[in-house]
Amino acid sequence: MKFETFKRQQLQDPAVKAEYDLLTPQYELIRQIIKLRQEQHLTQKALAEKTGIAQSAISRFESGNHNPSLEFLQRLELGLGKSVYVELR
């Protein structure tokens, strides 16, 4: 079975869908940070040096194993030359 088929089947379960929806913003943020870092040809180590964040913390964040603080994100924004905006909808 292909992953997309499995995912579609699982998301029919309301409990799975609710959990998936809760995690979507976190993983979208991770994808954006990785994309920006790669577009700037920065390794995790180079980004760590620019931000003063440990490379291991950046790795944990990018793998989804670290829930970042606003301060963490602000340090990343400075290192990437971008701005972080938080919006409640």
PDB file of N, CA and C in Angstrom:
ATOM      1  N   MET A   1       0.846  -1.177   0.000  1.00  0.00           N
ATOM      2  CA  MET A   1       0.000   0.000   0.000  1.00  0.00           C
ATOM      3  C   MET A   1       0.890   1.238   0.000  1.00  0.00           C
ATOM      4  N   LYS A   2       0.532   2.197  -0.830  1.00  0.00           N
ATOM      5  CA  LYS A   2       1.273   3.448  -0.902  1.00  0.00           C
ATOM      6  C   LYS A   2       0.947   4.311   0.312  1.00  0.00           C
ATOM      7  N   PHE A   3       1.911   5.133   0.695  1.00  0.00           N
ATOM      8  CA  PHE A   3       1.745   5.971   1.873  1.00  0.00           C
ATOM      9  C   PHE A   3       0.532   6.883   1.750  1.00  0.00           C
ATOM     10  N   GLU A   4       0.355   7.510   0.591  1.00  0.00           N
ATOM     11  CA  GLU A   4      -0.769   8.444   0.431  1.00  0.00           C
ATOM     12  C   GLU A   4      -2.107   7.736   0.615  1.00  0.00           C
ATOM     13  N   THR A   5      -2.207   6.490   0.173  1.00  0.00           N
ATOM     14  CA  THR A   5      -3.434   5.714   0.364  1.00  0.00           C
ATOM     15  C   THR A   5      -3.651   5.439   1.843  1.00  0.00           C
ATOM     16  N   PHE A   6      -2.588   5.027   2.513  1.00  0.00           N
ATOM     17  CA  PHE A   6      -2.651   4.763   3.954  1.00  0.00           C
ATOM     18  C   PHE A   6      -3.046   6.028   4.715  1.00  0.00           C
ATOM     19  N   LYS A   7      -2.400   7.139   4.364  1.00  0.00           N
ATOM     20  CA  LYS A   7      -2.684   8.411   5.034  1.00  0.00           C
ATOM     21  C   LYS A   7      -4.153   8.803   4.854  1.00  0.00           C
ATOM     22  N   ARG A   8      -4.638   8.709   3.641  1.00  0.00           N
ATOM     23  CA  ARG A   8      -6.029   9.065   3.355  1.00  0.00           C
ATOM     24  C   ARG A   8      -6.988   8.210   4.176  1.00  0.00           C
ATOM     25  N   GLN A   9      -6.681   6.910   4.287  1.00  0.00           N
ATOM     26  CA  GLN A   9      -7.522   6.001   5.079  1.00  0.00           C
ATOM     27  C   GLN A   9      -7.486   6.378   6.556  1.00  0.00           C
ATOM     28  N   GLN A  10      -6.318   6.651   7.074  1.00  0.00           N
ATOM     29  CA  GLN A  10      -6.172   6.977   8.490  1.00  0.00           C
ATOM     30  C   GLN A  10      -6.864   8.290   8.843  1.00  0.00           C
ATOM     31  N   LEU A  11      -6.809   9.251   7.938  1.00  0.00           N
ATOM     32  CA  LEU A  11      -7.411  10.556   8.218  1.00  0.00           C
ATOM     33  C   LEU A  11      -8.937  10.519   8.218  1.00  0.00           C
ATOM     34  N   GLN A  12      -9.509   9.403   7.852  1.00  0.00           N
ATOM     35  CA  GLN A  12     -10.961   9.247   7.949  1.00  0.00           C
ATOM     36  C   GLN A  12     -11.395   9.033   9.398  1.00  0.00           C
ATOM     37  N   ASP A  13     -10.470   8.610  10.240  1.00  0.00           N
ATOM     38  CA  ASP A  13     -10.733   8.434  11.667  1.00  0.00           C
ATOM     39  C   ASP A  13     -10.695   9.827  12.315  1.00  0.00           C
ATOM     40  N   PRO A  14     -11.783  10.277  12.945  1.00  0.00           N
ATOM     41  CA  PRO A  14     -11.814  11.630  13.523  1.00  0.00           C
ATOM     42  C   PRO A  14     -10.710  11.893  14.545  1.00  0.00           C
ATOM     43  N   ALA A  15     -10.326  10.902  15.329  1.00  0.00           N
ATOM     44  CA  ALA A  15      -9.270  11.101  16.332  1.00  0.00           C
ATOM     45  C   ALA A  15      -7.919  11.308  15.654  1.00  0.00           C
ATOM     46  N   VAL A  16      -7.647  10.533  14.634  1.00  0.00           N
ATOM     47  CA  VAL A  16      -6.393  10.674  13.886  1.00  0.00           C
ATOM     48  C   VAL A  16      -6.370  12.024  13.180  1.00  0.00           C
ATOM     49  N   LYS A  17      -7.474  12.400  12.573  1.00  0.00           N
ATOM     50  CA  LYS A  17      -7.579  13.683  11.853  1.00  0.00           C
ATOM     51  C   LYS A  17      -7.361  14.857  12.810  1.00  0.00           C
ATOM     52  N   ALA A  18      -7.924  14.786  13.993  1.00  0.00           N
ATOM     53  CA  ALA A  18      -7.767  15.863  14.972  1.00  0.00           C
ATOM     54  C   ALA A  18      -6.301  16.022  15.377  1.00  0.00           C
ATOM     55  N   GLU A  19      -5.636  14.913  15.629  1.00  0.00           N
ATOM     56  CA  GLU A  19      -4.218  14.959  16.009  1.00  0.00           C
ATOM     57  C   GLU A  19      -3.365  15.473  14.850  1.00  0.00           C
ATOM     58  N   TYR A  20      -3.667  15.006  13.661  1.00  0.00           N
ATOM     59  CA  TYR A  20      -2.950  15.453  12.457  1.00  0.00           C
ATOM     60  C   TYR A  20      -3.092  16.967  12.291  1.00  0.00           C
ATOM     61  N   ASP A  21      -4.297  17.465  12.455  1.00  0.00           N
ATOM     62  CA  ASP A  21      -4.539  18.899  12.315  1.00  0.00           C
ATOM     63  C   ASP A  21      -3.792  19.709  13.373  1.00  0.00           C
ATOM     64  N   LEU A  22      -3.657  19.170  14.582  1.00  0.00           N
ATOM     65  CA  LEU A  22      -2.912  19.869  15.636  1.00  0.00           C
ATOM     66  C   LEU A  22      -1.422  19.987  15.302  1.00  0.00           C
ATOM     67  N   LEU A  23      -0.882  18.977  14.631  1.00  0.00           N
ATOM     68  CA  LEU A  23       0.549  18.955  14.320  1.00  0.00           C
ATOM     69  C   LEU A  23       0.901  19.684  13.030  1.00  0.00           C
ATOM     70  N   THR A  24      -0.078  19.961  12.191  1.00  0.00           N
ATOM     71  CA  THR A  24       0.192  20.568  10.888  1.00  0.00           C
ATOM     72  C   THR A  24       0.961  21.887  10.979  1.00  0.00           C
ATOM     73  N   PRO A  25       0.591  22.837  11.838  1.00  0.00           N
ATOM     74  CA  PRO A  25       1.357  24.101  11.887  1.00  0.00           C
ATOM     75  C   PRO A  25       2.825  23.889  12.273  1.00  0.00           C
ATOM     76  N   GLN A  26       3.075  22.986  13.207  1.00  0.00           N
ATOM     77  CA  GLN A  26       4.454  22.727  13.632  1.00  0.00           C
ATOM     78  C   GLN A  26       5.290  22.197  12.468  1.00  0.00           C
ATOM     79  N   TYR A  27       4.751  21.223  11.738  1.00  0.00           N
ATOM     80  CA  TYR A  27       5.521  20.639  10.646  1.00  0.00           C
ATOM     81  C   TYR A  27       5.639  21.578   9.451  1.00  0.00           C
ATOM     82  N   GLU A  28       4.668  22.448   9.261  1.00  0.00           N
ATOM     83  CA  GLU A  28       4.776  23.453   8.197  1.00  0.00           C
ATOM     84  C   GLU A  28       5.899  24.434   8.533  1.00  0.00           C
ATOM     85  N   LEU A  29       6.009  24.839   9.783  1.00  0.00           N
ATOM     86  CA  LEU A  29       7.089  25.726  10.211  1.00  0.00           C
ATOM     87  C   LEU A  29       8.443  25.053  10.004  1.00  0.00           C
ATOM     88  N   ILE A  30       8.550  23.795  10.362  1.00  0.00           N
ATOM     89  CA  ILE A  30       9.801  23.050  10.175  1.00  0.00           C
ATOM     90  C   ILE A  30      10.170  23.028   8.691  1.00  0.00           C
ATOM     91  N   ARG A  31       9.199  22.728   7.827  1.00  0.00           N
ATOM     92  CA  ARG A  31       9.469  22.701   6.379  1.00  0.00           C
ATOM     93  C   ARG A  31       9.973  24.062   5.892  1.00  0.00           C
ATOM     94  N   GLN A  32       9.373  25.143   6.386  1.00  0.00           N
ATOM     95  CA  GLN A  32       9.787  26.483   5.965  1.00  0.00           C
ATOM     96  C   GLN A  32      11.223  26.779   6.390  1.00  0.00           C
ATOM     97  N   ILE A  33      11.567  26.444   7.626  1.00  0.00           N
ATOM     98  CA  ILE A  33      12.921  26.710   8.133  1.00  0.00           C
ATOM     99  C   ILE A  33      13.946  25.906   7.342  1.00  0.00           C
ATOM    100  N   ILE A  34      13.672  24.628   7.111  1.00  0.00           N
ATOM    101  CA  ILE A  34      14.605  23.796   6.344  1.00  0.00           C
ATOM    102  C   ILE A  34      14.778  24.363   4.943  1.00  0.00           C
ATOM    103  N   LYS A  35      13.678  24.762   4.308  1.00  0.00           N
ATOM    104  CA  LYS A  35      13.746  25.319   2.954  1.00  0.00           C
ATOM    105  C   LYS A  35      14.593  26.581   2.926  1.00  0.00           C
ATOM    106  N   LEU A  36      14.366  27.493   3.870  1.00  0.00           N
ATOM    107  CA  LEU A  36      15.153  28.726   3.927  1.00  0.00           C
ATOM    108  C   LEU A  36      16.631  28.435   4.152  1.00  0.00           C
ATOM    109  N   ARG A  37      16.910  27.514   5.058  1.00  0.00           N
ATOM    110  CA  ARG A  37      18.310  27.170   5.349  1.00  0.00           C
ATOM    111  C   ARG A  37      18.980  26.610   4.102  1.00  0.00           C
ATOM    112  N   GLN A  38      18.295  25.714   3.399  1.00  0.00           N
ATOM    113  CA  GLN A  38      18.871  25.108   2.206  1.00  0.00           C
ATOM    114  C   GLN A  38      19.012  26.114   1.063  1.00  0.00           C
ATOM    115  N   GLU A  39      18.040  27.010   0.909  1.00  0.00           N
ATOM    116  CA  GLU A  39      18.135  28.044  -0.130  1.00  0.00           C
ATOM    117  C   GLU A  39      19.346  28.939   0.082  1.00  0.00           C
ATOM    118  N   GLN A  40      19.732  29.115   1.339  1.00  0.00           N
ATOM    119  CA  GLN A  40      20.889  29.949   1.665  1.00  0.00           C
ATOM    120  C   GLN A  40      22.178  29.128   1.734  1.00  0.00           C
ATOM    121  N   HIS A  41      22.076  27.856   1.354  1.00  0.00           N
ATOM    122  CA  HIS A  41      23.223  26.939   1.341  1.00  0.00           C
ATOM    123  C   HIS A  41      23.912  26.869   2.695  1.00  0.00           C
ATOM    124  N   LEU A  42      23.088  26.836   3.744  1.00  0.00           N
ATOM    125  CA  LEU A  42      23.605  26.740   5.105  1.00  0.00           C
ATOM    126  C   LEU A  42      23.416  25.321   5.622  1.00  0.00           C
ATOM    127  N   THR A  43      24.436  24.798   6.238  1.00  0.00           N
ATOM    128  CA  THR A  43      24.294  23.549   6.972  1.00  0.00           C
ATOM    129  C   THR A  43      23.696  23.875   8.327  1.00  0.00           C
ATOM    130  N   GLN A  44      23.281  22.857   9.036  1.00  0.00           N
ATOM    131  CA  GLN A  44      22.810  23.090  10.400  1.00  0.00           C
ATOM    132  C   GLN A  44      23.928  23.708  11.230  1.00  0.00           C
ATOM    133  N   LYS A  45      25.139  23.247  11.018  1.00  0.00           N
ATOM    134  CA  LYS A  45      26.278  23.773  11.776  1.00  0.00           C
ATOM    135  C   LYS A  45      26.490  25.257  11.482  1.00  0.00           C
ATOM    136  N   ALA A  46      26.403  25.640  10.210  1.00  0.00           N
ATOM    137  CA  ALA A  46      26.591  27.045   9.850  1.00  0.00           C
ATOM    138  C   ALA A  46      25.477  27.910  10.440  1.00  0.00           C
ATOM    139  N   LEU A  47      24.249  27.411  10.407  1.00  0.00           N
ATOM    140  CA  LEU A  47      23.141  28.162  11.006  1.00  0.00           C
ATOM    141  C   LEU A  47      23.335  28.274  12.515  1.00  0.00           C
ATOM    142  N   ALA A  48      23.836  27.219  13.125  1.00  0.00           N
ATOM    143  CA  ALA A  48      24.108  27.244  14.565  1.00  0.00           C
ATOM    144  C   ALA A  48      25.133  28.327  14.896  1.00  0.00           C
ATOM    145  N   GLU A  49      26.155  28.427  14.078  1.00  0.00           N
ATOM    146  CA  GLU A  49      27.190  29.445  14.315  1.00  0.00           C
ATOM    147  C   GLU A  49      26.632  30.859  14.158  1.00  0.00           C
ATOM    148  N   LYS A  50      25.720  31.044  13.205  1.00  0.00           N
ATOM    149  CA  LYS A  50      25.130  32.380  12.982  1.00  0.00           C
ATOM    150  C   LYS A  50      24.162  32.775  14.084  1.00  0.00           C
ATOM    151  N   THR A  51      23.522  31.792  14.722  1.00  0.00           N
ATOM    152  CA  THR A  51      22.462  32.087  15.683  1.00  0.00           C
ATOM    153  C   THR A  51      22.862  31.905  17.142  1.00  0.00           C
ATOM    154  N   GLY A  52      23.937  31.166  17.363  1.00  0.00           N
ATOM    155  CA  GLY A  52      24.314  30.843  18.738  1.00  0.00           C
ATOM    156  C   GLY A  52      23.486  29.712  19.326  1.00  0.00           C
ATOM    157  N   ILE A  53      22.702  29.065  18.468  1.00  0.00           N
ATOM    158  CA  ILE A  53      21.912  27.893  18.886  1.00  0.00           C
ATOM    159  C   ILE A  53      22.761  26.652  18.633  1.00  0.00           C
ATOM    160  N   ALA A  54      22.739  25.713  19.536  1.00  0.00           N
ATOM    161  CA  ALA A  54      23.499  24.480  19.343  1.00  0.00           C
ATOM    162  C   ALA A  54      22.998  23.742  18.102  1.00  0.00           C
ATOM    163  N   GLN A  55      23.917  23.179  17.335  1.00  0.00           N
ATOM    164  CA  GLN A  55      23.549  22.425  16.140  1.00  0.00           C
ATOM    165  C   GLN A  55      22.607  21.285  16.492  1.00  0.00           C
ATOM    166  N   SER A  56      22.819  20.676  17.646  1.00  0.00           N
ATOM    167  CA  SER A  56      21.955  19.566  18.062  1.00  0.00           C
ATOM    168  C   SER A  56      20.514  20.043  18.292  1.00  0.00           C
ATOM    169  N   ALA A  57      20.354  21.277  18.778  1.00  0.00           N
ATOM    170  CA  ALA A  57      19.002  21.825  18.981  1.00  0.00           C
ATOM    171  C   ALA A  57      18.324  22.088  17.636  1.00  0.00           C
ATOM    172  N   ILE A  58      19.087  22.578  16.673  1.00  0.00           N
ATOM    173  CA  ILE A  58      18.528  22.785  15.334  1.00  0.00           C
ATOM    174  C   ILE A  58      18.138  21.445  14.725  1.00  0.00           C
ATOM    175  N   SER A  59      18.961  20.446  14.902  1.00  0.00           N
ATOM    176  CA  SER A  59      18.656  19.107  14.395  1.00  0.00           C
ATOM    177  C   SER A  59      17.388  18.550  15.035  1.00  0.00           C
ATOM    178  N   ARG A  60      17.264  18.690  16.353  1.00  0.00           N
ATOM    179  CA  ARG A  60      16.059  18.208  17.042  1.00  0.00           C
ATOM    180  C   ARG A  60      14.823  18.938  16.535  1.00  0.00           C
ATOM    181  N   PHE A  61      14.933  20.251  16.340  1.00  0.00           N
ATOM    182  CA  PHE A  61      13.809  21.022  15.813  1.00  0.00           C
ATOM    183  C   PHE A  61      13.429  20.538  14.425  1.00  0.00           C
ATOM    184  N   GLU A  62      14.410  20.402  13.544  1.00  0.00           N
ATOM    185  CA  GLU A  62      14.133  20.014  12.167  1.00  0.00           C
ATOM    186  C   GLU A  62      13.574  18.593  12.063  1.00  0.00           C
ATOM    187  N   SER A  63      13.879  17.747  13.026  1.00  0.00           N
ATOM    188  CA  SER A  63      13.353  16.377  12.997  1.00  0.00           C
ATOM    189  C   SER A  63      11.996  16.272  13.687  1.00  0.00           C
ATOM    190  N   GLY A  64      11.525  17.380  14.254  1.00  0.00           N
ATOM    191  CA  GLY A  64      10.228  17.371  14.918  1.00  0.00           C
ATOM    192  C   GLY A  64      10.283  16.908  16.359  1.00  0.00           C
ATOM    193  N   ASN A  65      11.495  16.822  16.917  1.00  0.00           N
ATOM    194  CA  ASN A  65      11.656  16.337  18.282  1.00  0.00           C
ATOM    195  C   ASN A  65      11.890  17.450  19.297  1.00  0.00           C
ATOM    196  N   HIS A  66      11.603  18.674  18.900  1.00  0.00           N
ATOM    197  CA  HIS A  66      11.793  19.821  19.799  1.00  0.00           C
ATOM    198  C   HIS A  66      10.701  20.832  19.495  1.00  0.00           C
ATOM    199  N   ASN A  67       9.987  21.231  20.503  1.00  0.00           N
ATOM    200  CA  ASN A  67       8.949  22.241  20.350  1.00  0.00           C
ATOM    201  C   ASN A  67       9.596  23.589  20.655  1.00  0.00           C
ATOM    202  N   PRO A  68       9.795  24.440  19.652  1.00  0.00           N
ATOM    203  CA  PRO A  68      10.594  25.650  19.855  1.00  0.00           C
ATOM    204  C   PRO A  68       9.862  26.734  20.634  1.00  0.00           C
ATOM    205  N   SER A  69      10.641  27.501  21.352  1.00  0.00           N
ATOM    206  CA  SER A  69      10.105  28.690  22.022  1.00  0.00           C
ATOM    207  C   SER A  69      10.107  29.838  21.010  1.00  0.00           C
ATOM    208  N   LEU A  70       9.425  30.895  21.343  1.00  0.00           N
ATOM    209  CA  LEU A  70       9.436  32.078  20.489  1.00  0.00           C
ATOM    210  C   LEU A  70      10.858  32.641  20.402  1.00  0.00           C
ATOM    211  N   GLU A  71      11.594  32.598  21.499  1.00  0.00           N
ATOM    212  CA  GLU A  71      12.988  33.072  21.489  1.00  0.00           C
ATOM    213  C   GLU A  71      13.833  32.264  20.511  1.00  0.00           C
ATOM    214  N   PHE A  72      13.651  30.943  20.483  1.00  0.00           N
ATOM    215  CA  PHE A  72      14.366  30.072  19.555  1.00  0.00           C
ATOM    216  C   PHE A  72      14.077  30.502  18.118  1.00  0.00           C
ATOM    217  N   LEU A  73      12.796  30.736  17.814  1.00  0.00           N
ATOM    218  CA  LEU A  73      12.399  31.141  16.465  1.00  0.00           C
ATOM    219  C   LEU A  73      12.948  32.516  16.104  1.00  0.00           C
ATOM    220  N   GLN A  74      12.989  33.413  17.076  1.00  0.00           N
ATOM    221  CA  GLN A  74      13.534  34.753  16.823  1.00  0.00           C
ATOM    222  C   GLN A  74      15.030  34.680  16.515  1.00  0.00           C
ATOM    223  N   ARG A  75      15.737  33.795  17.174  1.00  0.00           N
ATOM    224  CA  ARG A  75      17.166  33.625  16.893  1.00  0.00           C
ATOM    225  C   ARG A  75      17.368  33.037  15.502  1.00  0.00           C
ATOM    226  N   LEU A  76      16.485  32.090  15.115  1.00  0.00           N
ATOM    227  CA  LEU A  76      16.559  31.535  13.765  1.00  0.00           C
ATOM    228  C   LEU A  76      16.275  32.611  12.724  1.00  0.00           C
ATOM    229  N   GLU A  77      15.279  33.461  12.983  1.00  0.00           N
ATOM    230  CA  GLU A  77      14.920  34.500  12.018  1.00  0.00           C
ATOM    231  C   GLU A  77      16.098  35.431  11.771  1.00  0.00           C
ATOM    232  N   LEU A  78      16.810  35.775  12.815  1.00  0.00           N
ATOM    233  CA  LEU A  78      17.970  36.644  12.648  1.00  0.00           C
ATOM    234  C   LEU A  78      19.050  35.965  11.814  1.00  0.00           C
ATOM    235  N   GLY A  79      19.280  34.687  12.085  1.00  0.00           N
ATOM    236  CA  GLY A  79      20.292  33.941  11.347  1.00  0.00           C
ATOM    237  C   GLY A  79      19.934  33.735   9.887  1.00  0.00           C
ATOM    238  N   LEU A  80      18.642  33.689   9.593  1.00  0.00           N
ATOM    239  CA  LEU A  80      18.183  33.474   8.223  1.00  0.00           C
ATOM    240  C   LEU A  80      17.819  34.784   7.512  1.00  0.00           C
ATOM    241  N   GLY A  81      17.891  35.902   8.249  1.00  0.00           N
ATOM    242  CA  GLY A  81      17.550  37.183   7.654  1.00  0.00           C
ATOM    243  C   GLY A  81      16.068  37.309   7.330  1.00  0.00           C
ATOM    244  N   LYS A  82      15.240  36.692   8.127  1.00  0.00           N
ATOM    245  CA  LYS A  82      13.790  36.708   7.911  1.00  0.00           C
ATOM    246  C   LYS A  82      13.096  37.213   9.160  1.00  0.00           C
ATOM    247  N   SER A  83      11.776  37.342   9.082  1.00  0.00           N
ATOM    248  CA  SER A  83      10.971  37.756  10.226  1.00  0.00           C
ATOM    249  C   SER A  83       9.949  36.682  10.554  1.00  0.00           C
ATOM    250  N   VAL A  84       9.726  36.483  11.828  1.00  0.00           N
ATOM    251  CA  VAL A  84       8.722  35.533  12.282  1.00  0.00           C
ATOM    252  C   VAL A  84       7.465  36.319  12.627  1.00  0.00           C
ATOM    253  N   TYR A  85       6.336  35.850  12.142  1.00  0.00           N
ATOM    254  CA  TYR A  85       5.040  36.440  12.485  1.00  0.00           C
ATOM    255  C   TYR A  85       4.183  35.349  13.070  1.00  0.00           C
ATOM    256  N   VAL A  86       3.560  35.624  14.199  1.00  0.00           N
ATOM    257  CA  VAL A  86       2.657  34.685  14.842  1.00  0.00           C
ATOM    258  C   VAL A  86       1.259  35.234  14.666  1.00  0.00           C
ATOM    259  N   GLU A  87       0.351  34.371  14.231  1.00  0.00           N
ATOM    260  CA  GLU A  87      -1.001  34.816  13.953  1.00  0.00           C
ATOM    261  C   GLU A  87      -1.980  33.789  14.507  1.00  0.00           C
ATOM    262  N   LEU A  88      -2.965  34.273  15.221  1.00  0.00           N
ATOM    263  CA  LEU A  88      -4.034  33.415  15.700  1.00  0.00           C
ATOM    264  C   LEU A  88      -5.220  33.615  14.783  1.00  0.00           C
ATOM    265  N   ARG A  89      -5.821  32.517  14.373  1.00  0.00           N
ATOM    266  CA  ARG A  89      -6.974  32.614  13.473  1.00  0.00           C
ATOM    267  C   ARG A  89      -8.183  32.005  14.119  1.00  0.00           C
TER     268      ARG A  89
END
